[in-house]
Amino acid sequence: MKASAAILAVDLIPDHVAYLPIAAICPDPNQPRTEFNETELQGLATDIAARGIEHALLVQANGYIKDGERRWRAAQIAKLATVPCLLAIDGVEVAGHDPVAYLLDQAADNDHAAKLTPLDWARFLKKLVETHGVAVKDIPALLAARGITMSRPYASNLMRLTELPDWAQDKIKTGALTPAHGKHLLIAKDSPKALAEVKSTLENWDTEYDPLTIEALRYAVLNALDDVHLDLECRHGDKAPQFDTKTCEGCPNRKVISEKGCRDRIFCFDETCFNKKQTEAVNKAAAKKKQDPTAKPTRPIDPKTRERQLRQKAETIARRHAVLAIVGKANGHPDTADMHLLLNRIAGYSETKQICERRGWQSKNGHFFATFATRTKGLGASELHGLLLEAALANGNDERFIETAKRYHVNLKALEKTALAELMPKAVAKKPKVKKSSAAAKPKGKKK
């Protein structure tokens, strides 16, 4: 939309209010406010229709509105033909005009009339820095002179919001996310895959029962990075680097996630490069081992260690069978109410906490029981059975599970013995001890 300069040249003079046709003026393309609340505009339009426009719009000589775009938009809704206007004497066509001062005044006027949104500030500050060369460290003082308080770190963080994808900016615009949430989303700004996973997580997040805290979002972002990229600091598992990760320093695909109060996380964003180095390191180690005749053979597992491992495995199997037996003995085919009752009997504090932390179920002030009860409400039998099994296998209060097994007459020890008999080979099976008689135990002495 373009203003009619011919009408303005005749009707606008300094210090004189002129009623101009709405079509004769238009919004400033450099206006910092880009988002307008429709509900607020409707309210303002109703007020204007009843009382008129009390404060004239400030308009530049070129027809652009310096201050009053909200009133101009509301006047259109109210179907006014003209609006009162004053000439902005510091407009862009005035000799000696300072564009930075003009933009700052314009932003201050808009913010004082109705607070600018974080994204409006983000785009405005970025324009000041990138287009007009204003230093970030000077922004707080420039805004303070116009009655707006903003710290340098806050200004820097706001500007970074423009780097977020459109869907994240839309959530900040609607209030679903705050700028603080946006700061943590920026951790994964270089990873479209991780951001896509976070987006999917947020779409399925039940904020009614579990508020989306900043810490919860941070964990969601880090979990997404773990899922789609390779952790160069991983020390266990198949994805643990077998090569010297110092060789990755300086690589553009090496990303360091740094946060105040937390250890740095280092990820590789190039899986092809990682796999190549990994293969080379594994082959090199294998060749070195083959060429070294003095290399010691792999030490066999000690029989006692093997037996201990098998007993632990048998205990896990027994608990799985015990859960099935408990569920089976609860009225034959328990409904979800029975399953909830069993879950509450088996899951103590430590089990509940582990399940909540493993699933990323956040709670305020550590109230895991309340979060657990809310999250499990309405789950089907299969999901509840999975939680029962998870609680039984958790490294928590064994007495609680054993007590539940006894209540339903499930012999946990017998199940463990059966599982152990199936797992333990004959060579490792424990032989029964033969008691020696007291006479045989004592050495025979010589008769005198």
Protein backbone atom coordinates (compact mmCIF):
# COMPACT_ATOMS: atom_id res chain seq x y z
CA MET A 1 0.00 0.00 0.00
CA LYS A 2 1.33 3.45 -0.93
CA ALA A 3 0.39 6.84 0.52
CA SER A 4 -0.91 9.74 -1.53
CA ALA A 5 1.87 12.35 -1.30
CA ALA A 6 -0.19 14.96 -3.20
CA ILE A 7 -2.91 15.08 -0.52
CA LEU A 8 -0.31 15.15 2.27
CA ALA A 9 1.62 18.04 0.73
CA VAL A 10 -1.53 20.21 0.84
CA ASP A 11 -3.13 19.16 4.11
CA LEU A 12 -0.20 18.41 6.51
CA ILE A 13 1.63 21.36 8.05
CA PRO A 14 3.63 21.43 11.31
CA ASP A 15 1.66 21.74 14.58
CA HIS A 16 -1.67 21.48 12.78
CA VAL A 17 -4.13 18.59 13.10
CA ALA A 18 -5.59 17.66 9.72
CA TYR A 19 -8.29 15.06 9.05
CA LEU A 20 -6.99 12.94 6.19
CA PRO A 21 -8.70 10.13 4.28
CA ILE A 22 -7.68 6.74 5.61
CA ALA A 23 -6.54 5.75 2.12
CA ALA A 24 -4.15 8.74 2.01
CA ILE A 25 -1.81 7.25 4.64
CA CYS A 26 -0.35 3.79 5.18
CA PRO A 27 1.81 1.81 7.63
CA ASP A 28 5.55 2.38 7.74
CA PRO A 29 7.35 -0.67 6.25
CA ASN A 30 9.99 -0.17 8.95
CA GLN A 31 7.38 -0.26 11.71
CA PRO A 32 8.67 -2.51 14.55
CA ARG A 33 5.21 -3.89 15.35
CA THR A 34 4.34 -6.71 12.99
CA GLU A 35 1.78 -8.56 15.12
CA PHE A 36 -1.63 -7.11 16.00
CA ASN A 37 -4.06 -8.70 18.42
CA GLU A 38 -7.42 -8.92 16.64
CA THR A 39 -9.38 -8.95 19.90
CA GLU A 40 -7.66 -5.79 21.10
CA LEU A 41 -8.23 -4.11 17.73
CA GLN A 42 -11.95 -4.94 17.90
CA GLY A 43 -12.14 -3.41 21.38
CA LEU A 44 -10.30 -0.30 20.22
CA ALA A 45 -12.58 -0.02 17.17
CA THR A 46 -15.66 -0.13 19.41
CA ASP A 47 -14.18 2.64 21.56
CA ILE A 48 -13.29 4.75 18.49
CA ALA A 49 -16.78 4.32 17.03
CA ALA A 50 -18.26 5.64 20.29
CA ARG A 51 -15.78 8.40 21.20
CA GLY A 52 -13.66 9.04 18.12
CA ILE A 53 -9.84 9.18 17.97
CA GLU A 54 -8.59 11.30 20.88
CA HIS A 55 -4.89 11.29 19.96
CA ALA A 56 -3.88 12.25 16.42
CA LEU A 57 -1.71 9.93 14.37
CA LEU A 58 1.88 11.05 13.70
CA VAL A 59 2.47 10.86 9.95
CA GLN A 60 5.63 11.52 7.97
CA ALA A 61 5.71 13.81 4.94
CA ASN A 62 5.88 10.74 2.69
CA GLY A 63 2.56 9.44 4.11
CA TYR A 64 3.94 6.69 6.32
CA ILE A 65 2.56 6.41 9.86
CA LYS A 66 5.20 6.93 12.51
CA ASP A 67 2.90 6.41 15.49
CA GLY A 68 -0.72 5.25 15.51
CA GLU A 69 -0.97 2.24 13.21
CA ARG A 70 -3.20 0.43 15.75
CA ARG A 71 -5.61 3.40 15.75
CA TRP A 72 -5.50 3.48 11.94
CA ARG A 73 -6.38 -0.23 11.72
CA ALA A 74 -9.12 0.12 14.34
CA ALA A 75 -10.54 3.15 12.44
CA GLN A 76 -10.85 0.98 9.35
CA ILE A 77 -12.78 -1.63 11.36
CA ALA A 78 -14.99 1.17 12.72
CA LYS A 79 -15.52 2.30 9.07
CA LEU A 80 -14.29 5.88 9.61
CA ALA A 81 -13.62 7.87 6.44
CA THR A 82 -10.95 10.20 7.90
CA VAL A 83 -8.50 10.19 10.82
CA PRO A 84 -6.79 13.11 12.66
CA CYS A 85 -3.10 13.42 11.74
CA LEU A 86 -0.09 15.49 12.80
CA LEU A 87 3.08 15.96 10.76
CA ALA A 88 6.05 14.11 12.29
CA ILE A 89 8.68 16.84 12.17
CA ASP A 90 11.52 14.33 12.55
CA GLY A 91 10.42 12.36 9.49
CA VAL A 92 12.74 10.77 6.97
CA GLU A 93 12.61 13.75 4.62
CA VAL A 94 13.78 16.26 7.25
CA ALA A 95 17.37 17.50 6.84
CA GLY A 96 19.76 16.06 9.43
CA HIS A 97 17.39 13.19 10.17
CA ASP A 98 18.92 10.39 12.32
CA PRO A 99 17.33 7.09 11.15
CA VAL A 100 18.46 5.19 14.27
CA ALA A 101 16.96 7.77 16.63
CA TYR A 102 13.78 7.83 14.55
CA LEU A 103 13.42 4.02 14.69
CA LEU A 104 14.10 3.94 18.44
CA ASP A 105 11.51 6.67 19.04
CA GLN A 106 9.03 4.80 16.90
CA ALA A 107 9.61 1.54 18.81
CA ALA A 108 9.32 3.33 22.16
CA ASP A 109 6.06 5.04 21.14
CA ASN A 110 4.62 1.69 20.03
CA ASP A 111 5.74 -0.12 23.17
CA HIS A 112 4.34 2.54 25.49
CA ALA A 113 0.99 2.41 23.68
CA ALA A 114 0.79 -1.43 23.73
CA LYS A 115 3.71 -3.70 24.58
CA LEU A 116 5.60 -5.04 21.59
CA THR A 117 5.82 -8.83 21.44
CA PRO A 118 9.18 -10.59 21.97
CA LEU A 119 9.35 -11.42 18.25
CA ASP A 120 8.67 -7.77 17.32
CA TRP A 121 11.58 -6.75 19.54
CA ALA A 122 13.71 -9.56 18.11
CA ARG A 123 13.25 -8.41 14.50
CA PHE A 124 13.60 -4.73 15.42
CA LEU A 125 16.85 -5.19 17.36
CA LYS A 126 18.32 -7.41 14.67
CA LYS A 127 17.58 -4.70 12.10
CA LEU A 128 19.26 -2.07 14.28
CA VAL A 129 22.39 -4.20 14.55
CA GLU A 130 22.65 -5.63 11.02
CA THR A 131 21.27 -2.73 8.94
CA HIS A 132 22.20 0.34 10.97
CA GLY A 133 25.36 -0.95 12.67
CA VAL A 134 24.24 -0.36 16.26
CA ALA A 135 26.39 -2.30 18.78
CA VAL A 136 24.44 -4.68 21.03
CA LYS A 137 26.19 -3.27 24.09
CA ASP A 138 24.77 0.19 23.29
CA ILE A 139 21.14 -0.95 22.98
CA PRO A 140 20.28 -0.87 26.75
CA ALA A 141 21.38 2.77 27.09
CA LEU A 142 19.56 3.84 23.90
CA LEU A 143 16.32 2.23 25.10
CA ALA A 144 16.73 3.47 28.68
CA ALA A 145 16.82 7.05 27.35
CA ARG A 146 13.34 6.37 25.97
CA GLY A 147 11.93 4.80 29.13
CA ILE A 148 12.43 1.13 28.24
CA THR A 149 14.50 -1.19 30.43
CA MET A 150 16.31 -4.04 28.67
CA SER A 151 19.58 -5.74 29.64
CA ARG A 152 22.26 -6.59 27.10
CA PRO A 153 21.96 -10.42 27.59
CA TYR A 154 18.18 -10.20 27.18
CA ALA A 155 18.57 -8.16 24.00
CA SER A 156 21.03 -10.73 22.63
CA ASN A 157 18.71 -13.63 23.45
CA LEU A 158 15.75 -11.85 21.85
CA MET A 159 17.65 -11.30 18.61
CA ARG A 160 18.46 -15.03 18.42
CA LEU A 161 14.73 -15.87 18.34
CA THR A 162 14.75 -14.91 14.65
CA GLU A 163 16.94 -18.00 14.04
CA LEU A 164 14.15 -20.35 15.16
CA PRO A 165 12.07 -22.21 12.55
CA ASP A 166 8.67 -20.79 11.65
CA TRP A 167 6.69 -23.32 13.73
CA ALA A 168 8.65 -22.36 16.87
CA GLN A 169 8.14 -18.64 16.21
CA ASP A 170 4.42 -19.28 15.77
CA LYS A 171 4.29 -21.00 19.19
CA ILE A 172 6.03 -18.01 20.78
CA LYS A 173 3.62 -15.69 18.98
CA THR A 174 0.60 -17.55 20.38
CA GLY A 175 2.12 -17.79 23.86
CA ALA A 176 2.48 -21.60 23.80
CA LEU A 177 6.22 -21.07 24.28
CA THR A 178 8.10 -18.26 26.00
CA PRO A 179 11.34 -16.60 24.84
CA ALA A 180 13.09 -18.65 27.54
CA HIS A 181 11.77 -21.83 25.88
CA GLY A 182 13.00 -20.46 22.55
CA LYS A 183 16.50 -20.00 23.99
CA HIS A 184 16.68 -23.74 24.74
CA LEU A 185 15.24 -24.66 21.35
CA LEU A 186 18.18 -22.81 19.82
CA ILE A 187 20.43 -25.55 21.22
CA ALA A 188 19.36 -27.65 18.23
CA LYS A 189 19.05 -24.85 15.67
CA ASP A 190 21.68 -26.49 13.42
CA SER A 191 19.84 -29.82 13.40
CA PRO A 192 16.58 -29.88 11.42
CA LYS A 193 16.11 -33.57 12.34
CA ALA A 194 16.33 -32.89 16.08
CA LEU A 195 14.00 -29.88 15.80
CA ALA A 196 11.48 -31.99 13.88
CA GLU A 197 11.55 -34.57 16.69
CA VAL A 198 11.11 -31.84 19.32
CA LYS A 199 8.18 -30.44 17.35
CA SER A 200 6.54 -33.87 17.34
CA THR A 201 7.14 -34.19 21.10
CA LEU A 202 5.57 -30.80 21.80
CA GLU A 203 2.51 -31.57 19.66
CA ASN A 204 1.83 -34.67 21.80
CA TRP A 205 2.62 -32.96 25.12
CA ASP A 206 -0.33 -32.87 27.52
CA THR A 207 0.19 -29.45 29.14
CA GLU A 208 -3.06 -29.74 31.06
CA TYR A 209 -1.61 -32.41 33.33
CA ASP A 210 2.09 -31.74 32.90
CA PRO A 211 3.14 -28.09 32.35
CA LEU A 212 5.91 -27.64 29.81
CA THR A 213 8.68 -26.28 32.01
CA ILE A 214 11.91 -24.89 30.60
CA GLU A 215 13.84 -27.79 32.13
CA ALA A 216 11.47 -30.31 30.53
CA LEU A 217 11.95 -28.69 27.13
CA ARG A 218 15.72 -28.73 27.59
CA TYR A 219 15.63 -32.48 28.27
CA ALA A 220 13.40 -32.98 25.22
CA VAL A 221 15.91 -31.13 23.01
CA LEU A 222 18.92 -33.07 24.38
CA ASN A 223 17.05 -36.37 24.01
CA ALA A 224 16.26 -35.48 20.39
CA LEU A 225 19.93 -34.73 19.73
CA ASP A 226 20.87 -38.07 21.30
CA ASP A 227 18.35 -39.86 19.08
CA VAL A 228 19.39 -38.39 15.72
CA HIS A 229 23.09 -37.63 16.20
CA LEU A 230 26.21 -39.25 17.65
CA ASP A 231 27.58 -38.29 21.06
CA LEU A 232 31.35 -37.96 20.82
CA GLU A 233 31.62 -38.32 24.61
CA CYS A 234 29.73 -41.63 24.74
CA ARG A 235 31.82 -44.27 26.52
CA HIS A 236 29.58 -47.32 26.34
CA GLY A 237 27.55 -49.17 23.74
CA ASP A 238 27.83 -49.63 19.99
CA LYS A 239 27.90 -45.88 19.32
CA ALA A 240 30.92 -45.22 21.56
CA PRO A 241 33.74 -43.69 19.44
CA GLN A 242 36.69 -46.10 19.03
CA PHE A 243 38.85 -43.34 17.55
CA ASP A 244 40.50 -40.28 19.09
CA THR A 245 37.75 -37.65 19.12
CA LYS A 246 40.36 -34.88 19.28
CA THR A 247 40.76 -35.38 15.54
CA CYS A 248 37.24 -33.96 15.17
CA GLU A 249 38.22 -30.57 16.58
CA GLY A 250 37.81 -27.90 13.93
CA CYS A 251 35.33 -29.99 11.93
CA PRO A 252 32.19 -27.99 10.99
CA ASN A 253 30.04 -31.03 11.83
CA ARG A 254 31.29 -31.11 15.43
CA LYS A 255 28.78 -29.24 17.56
CA VAL A 256 29.39 -28.30 21.19
CA ILE A 257 26.25 -27.73 23.28
CA SER A 258 27.21 -25.42 26.14
CA GLU A 259 24.88 -24.29 28.89
CA LYS A 260 25.54 -22.48 32.11
CA GLY A 261 25.75 -24.89 35.04
CA CYS A 262 25.82 -28.00 32.82
CA ARG A 263 28.63 -30.02 31.28
CA ASP A 264 29.27 -29.52 27.58
CA ARG A 265 27.71 -32.04 25.21
CA ILE A 266 29.64 -32.73 22.00
CA PHE A 267 27.83 -34.22 19.01
CA CYS A 268 28.84 -35.29 15.50
CA PHE A 269 26.27 -34.19 12.92
CA ASP A 270 27.88 -36.18 10.07
CA GLU A 271 27.16 -39.88 10.49
CA THR A 272 29.10 -40.81 7.32
CA CYS A 273 32.30 -39.20 8.61
CA PHE A 274 31.81 -40.79 12.04
CA ASN A 275 31.30 -44.28 10.59
CA LYS A 276 34.36 -43.93 8.37
CA LYS A 277 36.60 -43.04 11.32
CA GLN A 278 34.97 -45.74 13.43
CA THR A 279 35.61 -48.43 10.80
CA GLU A 280 39.23 -47.33 10.33
CA ALA A 281 39.85 -47.41 14.10
CA VAL A 282 38.29 -50.87 14.53
CA ASN A 283 40.22 -52.33 11.57
CA LYS A 284 43.46 -50.80 12.82
CA ALA A 285 42.97 -52.27 16.29
CA ALA A 286 42.16 -55.70 14.81
CA ALA A 287 45.25 -55.63 12.57
CA LYS A 288 47.48 -54.60 15.47
CA LYS A 289 46.14 -57.42 17.62
CA LYS A 290 46.72 -59.92 14.80
CA GLN A 291 50.31 -58.80 14.23
CA ASP A 292 51.25 -58.81 17.92
CA PRO A 293 52.26 -62.39 18.84
CA THR A 294 52.61 -61.45 22.50
CA ALA A 295 49.00 -60.34 22.74
CA LYS A 296 47.28 -62.13 25.59
CA PRO A 297 44.26 -64.23 24.72
CA THR A 298 40.90 -63.11 25.95
CA ARG A 299 40.52 -64.10 29.56
CA PRO A 300 37.68 -66.59 30.04
CA ILE A 301 34.90 -65.62 32.37
CA ASP A 302 35.45 -66.88 35.87
CA PRO A 303 32.92 -69.64 36.75
CA LYS A 304 31.79 -67.77 39.87
CA THR A 305 31.29 -64.58 37.86
CA ARG A 306 29.37 -66.51 35.23
CA GLU A 307 27.21 -68.10 37.90
CA ARG A 308 26.47 -64.70 39.44
CA GLN A 309 25.48 -63.32 36.04
CA LEU A 310 23.16 -66.25 35.40
CA ARG A 311 21.54 -65.87 38.82
CA GLN A 312 20.85 -62.18 38.11
CA LYS A 313 19.34 -63.10 34.75
CA ALA A 314 17.24 -65.81 36.41
CA GLU A 315 15.96 -63.26 38.92
CA THR A 316 14.90 -60.95 36.07
CA ILE A 317 13.09 -63.78 34.27
CA ALA A 318 11.43 -64.84 37.51
CA ARG A 319 10.11 -61.33 38.08
CA ARG A 320 8.67 -61.23 34.59
CA HIS A 321 6.87 -64.50 35.20
CA ALA A 322 5.80 -63.30 38.64
CA VAL A 323 4.14 -60.22 37.16
CA LEU A 324 2.20 -62.43 34.73
CA ALA A 325 1.22 -64.73 37.60
CA ILE A 326 0.10 -61.82 39.81
CA VAL A 327 -1.95 -60.33 37.01
CA GLY A 328 -3.44 -63.73 36.24
CA LYS A 329 -4.44 -64.36 39.85
CA ALA A 330 -6.11 -60.96 40.25
CA ASN A 331 -9.69 -61.99 39.43
CA GLY A 332 -8.50 -64.14 36.55
CA HIS A 333 -8.65 -61.39 33.93
CA PRO A 334 -8.13 -58.06 35.74
CA ASP A 335 -9.65 -54.89 34.40
CA THR A 336 -7.77 -51.59 34.32
CA ALA A 337 -8.90 -50.70 37.85
CA ASP A 338 -7.29 -53.92 39.16
CA MET A 339 -4.17 -53.15 37.15
CA HIS A 340 -3.96 -49.68 38.69
CA LEU A 341 -4.32 -51.23 42.15
CA LEU A 342 -1.51 -53.70 41.42
CA LEU A 343 0.69 -50.91 40.06
CA ASN A 344 0.19 -48.82 43.20
CA ARG A 345 1.10 -51.84 45.37
CA ILE A 346 4.26 -52.65 43.43
CA ALA A 347 5.58 -49.17 42.54
CA GLY A 348 7.16 -47.45 45.53
CA TYR A 349 8.89 -44.07 45.59
CA SER A 350 12.12 -45.15 43.91
CA GLU A 351 10.32 -47.16 41.19
CA THR A 352 7.90 -44.29 40.53
CA LYS A 353 10.75 -41.80 40.33
CA GLN A 354 12.74 -43.98 37.92
CA ILE A 355 9.77 -44.49 35.61
CA CYS A 356 8.99 -40.74 35.58
CA GLU A 357 12.61 -39.77 34.90
CA ARG A 358 13.01 -42.44 32.20
CA ARG A 359 9.96 -41.14 30.34
CA GLY A 360 10.72 -37.45 30.90
CA TRP A 361 7.61 -36.92 33.03
CA GLN A 362 8.49 -33.73 34.87
CA SER A 363 6.98 -32.77 38.21
CA LYS A 364 6.98 -29.65 40.32
CA ASN A 365 9.04 -29.82 43.52
CA GLY A 366 9.78 -33.51 42.97
CA HIS A 367 6.18 -34.69 43.42
CA PHE A 368 6.65 -37.85 41.34
CA PHE A 369 3.65 -39.66 42.81
CA ALA A 370 1.22 -36.97 41.63
CA THR A 371 2.76 -36.87 38.15
CA PHE A 372 2.82 -40.68 37.97
CA ALA A 373 -0.84 -40.96 38.97
CA THR A 374 -1.86 -38.28 36.44
CA ARG A 375 0.14 -39.80 33.58
CA THR A 376 -1.06 -43.39 34.15
CA LYS A 377 -4.69 -42.39 34.48
CA GLY A 378 -6.68 -43.70 31.55
CA LEU A 379 -3.97 -46.06 30.21
CA GLY A 380 -5.04 -49.36 28.69
CA ALA A 381 -4.25 -52.83 30.07
CA SER A 382 -1.22 -53.39 27.81
CA GLU A 383 0.41 -50.10 28.86
CA LEU A 384 -0.33 -50.80 32.52
CA HIS A 385 1.16 -54.27 32.21
CA GLY A 386 4.33 -52.72 30.80
CA LEU A 387 4.51 -50.33 33.76
CA LEU A 388 3.98 -53.22 36.18
CA LEU A 389 6.87 -55.09 34.61
CA GLU A 390 9.04 -51.98 34.65
CA ALA A 391 8.30 -51.36 38.32
CA ALA A 392 9.08 -55.01 39.16
CA LEU A 393 12.47 -54.81 37.40
CA ALA A 394 13.41 -51.40 38.83
CA ASN A 395 16.33 -51.23 41.24
CA GLY A 396 14.15 -50.00 44.05
CA ASN A 397 12.33 -51.41 47.06
CA ASP A 398 12.38 -55.21 46.59
CA GLU A 399 10.29 -55.75 49.71
CA ARG A 400 7.28 -54.05 48.10
CA PHE A 401 7.28 -56.44 45.14
CA ILE A 402 8.00 -59.51 47.28
CA GLU A 403 5.14 -58.55 49.59
CA THR A 404 2.76 -58.21 46.61
CA ALA A 405 3.88 -61.62 45.29
CA LYS A 406 3.18 -63.21 48.68
CA ARG A 407 -0.26 -61.58 48.87
CA TYR A 408 -1.20 -63.29 45.59
CA HIS A 409 0.53 -66.56 46.62
CA VAL A 410 3.17 -66.36 43.91
CA ASN A 411 6.34 -68.25 44.89
CA LEU A 412 9.08 -65.96 43.63
CA LYS A 413 11.88 -68.22 44.87
CA ALA A 414 10.45 -71.20 42.99
CA LEU A 415 10.26 -69.16 39.79
CA GLU A 416 13.89 -68.09 40.23
CA LYS A 417 14.98 -71.70 40.77
CA THR A 418 13.13 -72.84 37.64
CA ALA A 419 14.68 -70.06 35.54
CA LEU A 420 18.14 -70.80 36.93
CA ALA A 421 17.82 -74.50 36.10
CA GLU A 422 17.02 -73.60 32.49
CA LEU A 423 19.87 -71.10 32.19
CA MET A 424 22.71 -72.69 34.08
CA PRO A 425 24.72 -75.31 32.15
CA LYS A 426 25.64 -78.54 33.87
CA ALA A 427 29.31 -77.60 33.99
CA VAL A 428 28.51 -74.50 36.03
CA ALA A 429 25.66 -75.96 38.06
CA LYS A 430 26.34 -75.82 41.74
CA LYS A 431 27.30 -79.20 43.15
CA PRO A 432 25.85 -80.14 46.53
CA LYS A 433 28.33 -79.86 49.33
CA VAL A 434 29.27 -83.11 51.09
CA LYS A 435 29.59 -82.68 54.82
CA LYS A 436 32.59 -84.33 56.33
CA SER A 437 32.19 -86.19 59.57
CA SER A 438 33.87 -84.78 62.62
CA ALA A 439 36.07 -87.84 62.85
CA ALA A 440 37.16 -87.51 59.26
CA ALA A 441 37.73 -83.82 59.66
CA LYS A 442 40.26 -84.27 62.47
CA PRO A 443 43.73 -85.45 61.49
CA LYS A 444 44.63 -88.77 62.95
CA GLY A 445 47.44 -88.54 65.45
CA LYS A 446 50.02 -91.17 66.21
CA LYS A 447 49.28 -93.42 69.10
CA LYS A 448 51.74 -93.18 71.83
